Amino acid sequence: MVGATLVGRRRSAAEILRSVPPCDRAVMLRHGLDLDDPEAAELFVEGVRAADDAIAEQERWERERLG
């Protein structure tokens, strides 16, 4: 699915939504998450950004402590 971190730059909502392959969109839709619905898309983007931030924080922590 989606997830790559980009150090120093926050991905735009459009960039995040474009990165979701059609097969993953279909799975999400079957589970009730329609990325064509603005509210659902906003929720998804917020979740992806939170995950990106957490991954970036973990990478910083590892660099500082593990070299």
PDB file of N, CA and C in Angstrom:
ATOM      1  N   MET A   1       0.844  -1.170   0.000  1.00  0.00           N
ATOM      2  CA  MET A   1       0.000   0.000   0.000  1.00  0.00           C
ATOM      3  C   MET A   1       0.891   1.235   0.000  1.00  0.00           C
ATOM      4  N   VAL A   2       0.499   2.252   0.736  1.00  0.00           N
ATOM      5  CA  VAL A   2       1.218   3.516   0.724  1.00  0.00           C
ATOM      6  C   VAL A   2       2.137   3.582   1.923  1.00  0.00           C
ATOM      7  N   GLY A   3       3.288   4.309   1.805  1.00  0.00           N
ATOM      8  CA  GLY A   3       4.068   4.423   2.997  1.00  0.00           C
ATOM      9  C   GLY A   3       5.424   5.078   2.929  1.00  0.00           C
ATOM     10  N   ALA A   4       6.029   5.239   1.805  1.00  0.00           N
ATOM     11  CA  ALA A   4       7.411   5.722   1.735  1.00  0.00           C
ATOM     12  C   ALA A   4       7.561   7.059   2.443  1.00  0.00           C
ATOM     13  N   THR A   5       8.602   7.178   3.236  1.00  0.00           N
ATOM     14  CA  THR A   5       8.855   8.447   3.907  1.00  0.00           C
ATOM     15  C   THR A   5       9.701   9.329   3.009  1.00  0.00           C
ATOM     16  N   LEU A   6       9.458  10.601   3.110  1.00  0.00           N
ATOM     17  CA  LEU A   6      10.239  11.577   2.361  1.00  0.00           C
ATOM     18  C   LEU A   6      10.837  12.535   3.372  1.00  0.00           C
ATOM     19  N   VAL A   7      12.130  12.436   3.588  1.00  0.00           N
ATOM     20  CA  VAL A   7      12.795  13.234   4.601  1.00  0.00           C
ATOM     21  C   VAL A   7      12.762  14.698   4.195  1.00  0.00           C
ATOM     22  N   GLY A   8      12.317  15.557   5.128  1.00  0.00           N
ATOM     23  CA  GLY A   8      12.344  16.990   4.910  1.00  0.00           C
ATOM     24  C   GLY A   8      11.201  17.552   4.088  1.00  0.00           C
ATOM     25  N   ARG A   9      10.267  16.738   3.659  1.00  0.00           N
ATOM     26  CA  ARG A   9       9.171  17.241   2.829  1.00  0.00           C
ATOM     27  C   ARG A   9       7.911  16.449   3.126  1.00  0.00           C
ATOM     28  N   ARG A  10       6.847  17.173   3.394  1.00  0.00           N
ATOM     29  CA  ARG A  10       5.558  16.535   3.636  1.00  0.00           C
ATOM     30  C   ARG A  10       4.854  16.343   2.298  1.00  0.00           C
ATOM     31  N   ARG A  11       4.364  15.128   2.051  1.00  0.00           N
ATOM     32  CA  ARG A  11       3.694  14.840   0.782  1.00  0.00           C
ATOM     33  C   ARG A  11       2.334  15.537   0.716  1.00  0.00           C
ATOM     34  N   SER A  12       1.992  16.023  -0.459  1.00  0.00           N
ATOM     35  CA  SER A  12       0.691  16.662  -0.643  1.00  0.00           C
ATOM     36  C   SER A  12      -0.401  15.604  -0.618  1.00  0.00           C
ATOM     37  N   ALA A  13      -1.624  16.048  -0.332  1.00  0.00           N
ATOM     38  CA  ALA A  13      -2.760  15.125  -0.326  1.00  0.00           C
ATOM     39  C   ALA A  13      -2.921  14.478  -1.692  1.00  0.00           C
ATOM     40  N   ALA A  14      -2.770  15.264  -2.747  1.00  0.00           N
ATOM     41  CA  ALA A  14      -2.913  14.721  -4.102  1.00  0.00           C
ATOM     42  C   ALA A  14      -1.854  13.659  -4.375  1.00  0.00           C
ATOM     43  N   GLU A  15      -0.634  13.907  -3.930  1.00  0.00           N
ATOM     44  CA  GLU A  15       0.454  12.947  -4.134  1.00  0.00           C
ATOM     45  C   GLU A  15       0.162  11.632  -3.404  1.00  0.00           C
ATOM     46  N   ILE A  16      -0.337  11.742  -2.180  1.00  0.00           N
ATOM     47  CA  ILE A  16      -0.675  10.547  -1.408  1.00  0.00           C
ATOM     48  C   ILE A  16      -1.792   9.775  -2.095  1.00  0.00           C
ATOM     49  N   LEU A  17      -2.843  10.471  -2.492  1.00  0.00           N
ATOM     50  CA  LEU A  17      -3.981   9.789  -3.112  1.00  0.00           C
ATOM     51  C   LEU A  17      -3.607   9.167  -4.453  1.00  0.00           C
ATOM     52  N   ARG A  18      -2.748   9.839  -5.220  1.00  0.00           N
ATOM     53  CA  ARG A  18      -2.313   9.274  -6.506  1.00  0.00           C
ATOM     54  C   ARG A  18      -1.457   8.028  -6.321  1.00  0.00           C
ATOM     55  N   SER A  19      -0.823   7.902  -5.167  1.00  0.00           N
ATOM     56  CA  SER A  19       0.073   6.770  -4.939  1.00  0.00           C
ATOM     57  C   SER A  19      -0.667   5.479  -4.587  1.00  0.00           C
ATOM     58  N   VAL A  20      -1.973   5.558  -4.399  1.00  0.00           N
ATOM     59  CA  VAL A  20      -2.744   4.361  -4.040  1.00  0.00           C
ATOM     60  C   VAL A  20      -3.131   3.620  -5.321  1.00  0.00           C
ATOM     61  N   PRO A  21      -2.630   2.407  -5.512  1.00  0.00           N
ATOM     62  CA  PRO A  21      -2.946   1.645  -6.726  1.00  0.00           C
ATOM     63  C   PRO A  21      -4.436   1.287  -6.788  1.00  0.00           C
ATOM     64  N   PRO A  22      -4.969   1.131  -7.994  1.00  0.00           N
ATOM     65  CA  PRO A  22      -6.389   0.794  -8.151  1.00  0.00           C
ATOM     66  C   PRO A  22      -6.811  -0.450  -7.368  1.00  0.00           C
ATOM     67  N   CYS A  23      -5.967  -1.462  -7.310  1.00  0.00           N
ATOM     68  CA  CYS A  23      -6.351  -2.679  -6.573  1.00  0.00           C
ATOM     69  C   CYS A  23      -6.497  -2.382  -5.079  1.00  0.00           C
ATOM     70  N   ASP A  24      -5.651  -1.506  -4.532  1.00  0.00           N
ATOM     71  CA  ASP A  24      -5.774  -1.137  -3.120  1.00  0.00           C
ATOM     72  C   ASP A  24      -7.003  -0.266  -2.888  1.00  0.00           C
ATOM     73  N   ARG A  25      -7.309   0.618  -3.840  1.00  0.00           N
ATOM     74  CA  ARG A  25      -8.532   1.423  -3.733  1.00  0.00           C
ATOM     75  C   ARG A  25      -9.762   0.521  -3.703  1.00  0.00           C
ATOM     76  N   ALA A  26      -9.745  -0.526  -4.522  1.00  0.00           N
ATOM     77  CA  ALA A  26     -10.878  -1.456  -4.566  1.00  0.00           C
ATOM     78  C   ALA A  26     -11.045  -2.170  -3.228  1.00  0.00           C
ATOM     79  N   VAL A  27      -9.940  -2.581  -2.628  1.00  0.00           N
ATOM     80  CA  VAL A  27     -10.006  -3.239  -1.315  1.00  0.00           C
ATOM     81  C   VAL A  27     -10.565  -2.273  -0.276  1.00  0.00           C
ATOM     82  N   MET A  28     -10.071  -1.052  -0.274  1.00  0.00           N
ATOM     83  CA  MET A  28     -10.560  -0.057   0.688  1.00  0.00           C
ATOM     84  C   MET A  28     -12.046   0.210   0.493  1.00  0.00           C
ATOM     85  N   LEU A  29     -12.464   0.294  -0.756  1.00  0.00           N
ATOM     86  CA  LEU A  29     -13.872   0.541  -1.052  1.00  0.00           C
ATOM     87  C   LEU A  29     -14.741  -0.602  -0.534  1.00  0.00           C
ATOM     88  N   ARG A  30     -14.273  -1.831  -0.680  1.00  0.00           N
ATOM     89  CA  ARG A  30     -15.026  -2.980  -0.149  1.00  0.00           C
ATOM     90  C   ARG A  30     -15.176  -2.904   1.365  1.00  0.00           C
ATOM     91  N   HIS A  31     -14.224  -2.235   2.011  1.00  0.00           N
ATOM     92  CA  HIS A  31     -14.280  -2.079   3.465  1.00  0.00           C
ATOM     93  C   HIS A  31     -14.910  -0.749   3.877  1.00  0.00           C
ATOM     94  N   GLY A  32     -15.483  -0.034   2.922  1.00  0.00           N
ATOM     95  CA  GLY A  32     -16.222   1.182   3.228  1.00  0.00           C
ATOM     96  C   GLY A  32     -15.441   2.474   3.166  1.00  0.00           C
ATOM     97  N   LEU A  33     -14.219   2.448   2.682  1.00  0.00           N
ATOM     98  CA  LEU A  33     -13.424   3.673   2.574  1.00  0.00           C
ATOM     99  C   LEU A  33     -13.320   4.069   1.107  1.00  0.00           C
ATOM    100  N   ASP A  34     -14.126   5.039   0.718  1.00  0.00           N
ATOM    101  CA  ASP A  34     -14.167   5.520  -0.664  1.00  0.00           C
ATOM    102  C   ASP A  34     -13.268   6.745  -0.784  1.00  0.00           C
ATOM    103  N   LEU A  35     -12.123   6.591  -1.410  1.00  0.00           N
ATOM    104  CA  LEU A  35     -11.175   7.700  -1.516  1.00  0.00           C
ATOM    105  C   LEU A  35     -11.650   8.802  -2.458  1.00  0.00           C
ATOM    106  N   ASP A  36     -12.764   8.581  -3.150  1.00  0.00           N
ATOM    107  CA  ASP A  36     -13.357   9.648  -3.957  1.00  0.00           C
ATOM    108  C   ASP A  36     -14.261  10.543  -3.113  1.00  0.00           C
ATOM    109  N   ASP A  37     -14.561  10.115  -1.894  1.00  0.00           N
ATOM    110  CA  ASP A  37     -15.343  10.921  -0.953  1.00  0.00           C
ATOM    111  C   ASP A  37     -14.372  11.848  -0.217  1.00  0.00           C
ATOM    112  N   PRO A  38     -14.590  13.167  -0.281  1.00  0.00           N
ATOM    113  CA  PRO A  38     -13.631  14.104   0.321  1.00  0.00           C
ATOM    114  C   PRO A  38     -13.350  13.850   1.806  1.00  0.00           C
ATOM    115  N   GLU A  39     -14.370  13.515   2.581  1.00  0.00           N
ATOM    116  CA  GLU A  39     -14.151  13.275   4.010  1.00  0.00           C
ATOM    117  C   GLU A  39     -13.306  12.022   4.238  1.00  0.00           C
ATOM    118  N   ALA A  40     -13.598  10.972   3.496  1.00  0.00           N
ATOM    119  CA  ALA A  40     -12.827   9.730   3.628  1.00  0.00           C
ATOM    120  C   ALA A  40     -11.392   9.945   3.154  1.00  0.00           C
ATOM    121  N   ALA A  41     -11.230  10.684   2.064  1.00  0.00           N
ATOM    122  CA  ALA A  41      -9.887  10.958   1.545  1.00  0.00           C
ATOM    123  C   ALA A  41      -9.078  11.762   2.556  1.00  0.00           C
ATOM    124  N   GLU A  42      -9.715  12.735   3.192  1.00  0.00           N
ATOM    125  CA  GLU A  42      -9.020  13.543   4.196  1.00  0.00           C
ATOM    126  C   GLU A  42      -8.575  12.676   5.378  1.00  0.00           C
ATOM    127  N   LEU A  43      -9.444  11.796   5.828  1.00  0.00           N
ATOM    128  CA  LEU A  43      -9.102  10.887   6.921  1.00  0.00           C
ATOM    129  C   LEU A  43      -7.927   9.985   6.534  1.00  0.00           C
ATOM    130  N   PHE A  44      -7.965   9.455   5.317  1.00  0.00           N
ATOM    131  CA  PHE A  44      -6.890   8.590   4.827  1.00  0.00           C
ATOM    132  C   PHE A  44      -5.566   9.345   4.765  1.00  0.00           C
ATOM    133  N   VAL A  45      -5.596  10.548   4.211  1.00  0.00           N
ATOM    134  CA  VAL A  45      -4.379  11.359   4.079  1.00  0.00           C
ATOM    135  C   VAL A  45      -3.804  11.674   5.462  1.00  0.00           C
ATOM    136  N   GLU A  46      -4.671  12.017   6.419  1.00  0.00           N
ATOM    137  CA  GLU A  46      -4.195  12.285   7.779  1.00  0.00           C
ATOM    138  C   GLU A  46      -3.506  11.054   8.365  1.00  0.00           C
ATOM    139  N   GLY A  47      -4.079   9.882   8.119  1.00  0.00           N
ATOM    140  CA  GLY A  47      -3.481   8.645   8.616  1.00  0.00           C
ATOM    141  C   GLY A  47      -2.135   8.358   7.980  1.00  0.00           C
ATOM    142  N   VAL A  48      -2.043   8.572   6.675  1.00  0.00           N
ATOM    143  CA  VAL A  48      -0.771   8.342   5.976  1.00  0.00           C
ATOM    144  C   VAL A  48       0.285   9.326   6.475  1.00  0.00           C
ATOM    145  N   ARG A  49      -0.107  10.574   6.659  1.00  0.00           N
ATOM    146  CA  ARG A  49       0.856  11.563   7.157  1.00  0.00           C
ATOM    147  C   ARG A  49       1.312  11.224   8.573  1.00  0.00           C
ATOM    148  N   ALA A  50       0.392  10.757   9.403  1.00  0.00           N
ATOM    149  CA  ALA A  50       0.772  10.349  10.763  1.00  0.00           C
ATOM    150  C   ALA A  50       1.769   9.193  10.706  1.00  0.00           C
ATOM    151  N   ALA A  51       1.522   8.248   9.815  1.00  0.00           N
ATOM    152  CA  ALA A  51       2.450   7.118   9.654  1.00  0.00           C
ATOM    153  C   ALA A  51       3.798   7.603   9.131  1.00  0.00           C
ATOM    154  N   ASP A  52       3.789   8.497   8.149  1.00  0.00           N
ATOM    155  CA  ASP A  52       5.042   9.059   7.623  1.00  0.00           C
ATOM    156  C   ASP A  52       5.830   9.741   8.740  1.00  0.00           C
ATOM    157  N   ASP A  53       5.126  10.525   9.578  1.00  0.00           N
ATOM    158  CA  ASP A  53       5.788  11.225  10.681  1.00  0.00           C
ATOM    159  C   ASP A  53       6.390  10.239  11.677  1.00  0.00           C
ATOM    160  N   ALA A  54       5.649   9.185  11.998  1.00  0.00           N
ATOM    161  CA  ALA A  54       6.141   8.182  12.947  1.00  0.00           C
ATOM    162  C   ALA A  54       7.367   7.455  12.397  1.00  0.00           C
ATOM    163  N   ILE A  55       7.340   7.133  11.120  1.00  0.00           N
ATOM    164  CA  ILE A  55       8.485   6.461  10.491  1.00  0.00           C
ATOM    165  C   ILE A  55       9.701   7.382  10.488  1.00  0.00           C
ATOM    166  N   ALA A  56       9.483   8.652  10.144  1.00  0.00           N
ATOM    167  CA  ALA A  56      10.591   9.614  10.132  1.00  0.00           C
ATOM    168  C   ALA A  56      11.174   9.780  11.531  1.00  0.00           C
ATOM    169  N   GLU A  57      10.316   9.826  12.541  1.00  0.00           N
ATOM    170  CA  GLU A  57      10.787   9.951  13.919  1.00  0.00           C
ATOM    171  C   GLU A  57      11.603   8.723  14.323  1.00  0.00           C
ATOM    172  N   GLN A  58      11.150   7.548  13.949  1.00  0.00           N
ATOM    173  CA  GLN A  58      11.891   6.321  14.254  1.00  0.00           C
ATOM    174  C   GLN A  58      13.253   6.324  13.556  1.00  0.00           C
ATOM    175  N   GLU A  59      13.275   6.771  12.300  1.00  0.00           N
ATOM    176  CA  GLU A  59      14.545   6.843  11.574  1.00  0.00           C
ATOM    177  C   GLU A  59      15.509   7.812  12.247  1.00  0.00           C
ATOM    178  N   ARG A  60      14.988   8.967  12.705  1.00  0.00           N
ATOM    179  CA  ARG A  60      15.837   9.934  13.422  1.00  0.00           C
ATOM    180  C   ARG A  60      16.377   9.315  14.709  1.00  0.00           C
ATOM    181  N   TRP A  61      15.513   8.654  15.449  1.00  0.00           N
ATOM    182  CA  TRP A  61      15.915   8.018  16.700  1.00  0.00           C
ATOM    183  C   TRP A  61      17.028   7.004  16.451  1.00  0.00           C
ATOM    184  N   GLU A  62      16.853   6.175  15.428  1.00  0.00           N
ATOM    185  CA  GLU A  62      17.862   5.155  15.119  1.00  0.00           C
ATOM    186  C   GLU A  62      19.186   5.779  14.701  1.00  0.00           C
ATOM    187  N   ARG A  63      19.131   6.840  13.887  1.00  0.00           N
ATOM    188  CA  ARG A  63      20.366   7.512  13.461  1.00  0.00           C
ATOM    189  C   ARG A  63      21.108   8.098  14.659  1.00  0.00           C
ATOM    190  N   GLU A  64      20.355   8.739  15.571  1.00  0.00           N
ATOM    191  CA  GLU A  64      20.978   9.378  16.731  1.00  0.00           C
ATOM    192  C   GLU A  64      21.583   8.359  17.687  1.00  0.00           C
ATOM    193  N   ARG A  65      20.922   7.256  17.885  1.00  0.00           N
ATOM    194  CA  ARG A  65      21.349   6.303  18.903  1.00  0.00           C
ATOM    195  C   ARG A  65      22.180   5.147  18.364  1.00  0.00           C
ATOM    196  N   LEU A  66      21.962   4.801  17.125  1.00  0.00           N
ATOM    197  CA  LEU A  66      22.637   3.629  16.576  1.00  0.00           C
ATOM    198  C   LEU A  66      23.700   3.977  15.539  1.00  0.00           C
ATOM    199  N   GLY A  67      23.723   5.249  15.179  1.00  0.00           N
ATOM    200  CA  GLY A  67      24.734   5.676  14.221  1.00  0.00           C
ATOM    201  C   GLY A  67      24.318   5.457  12.870  1.00  0.00           C
TER     202      GLY A  67
END
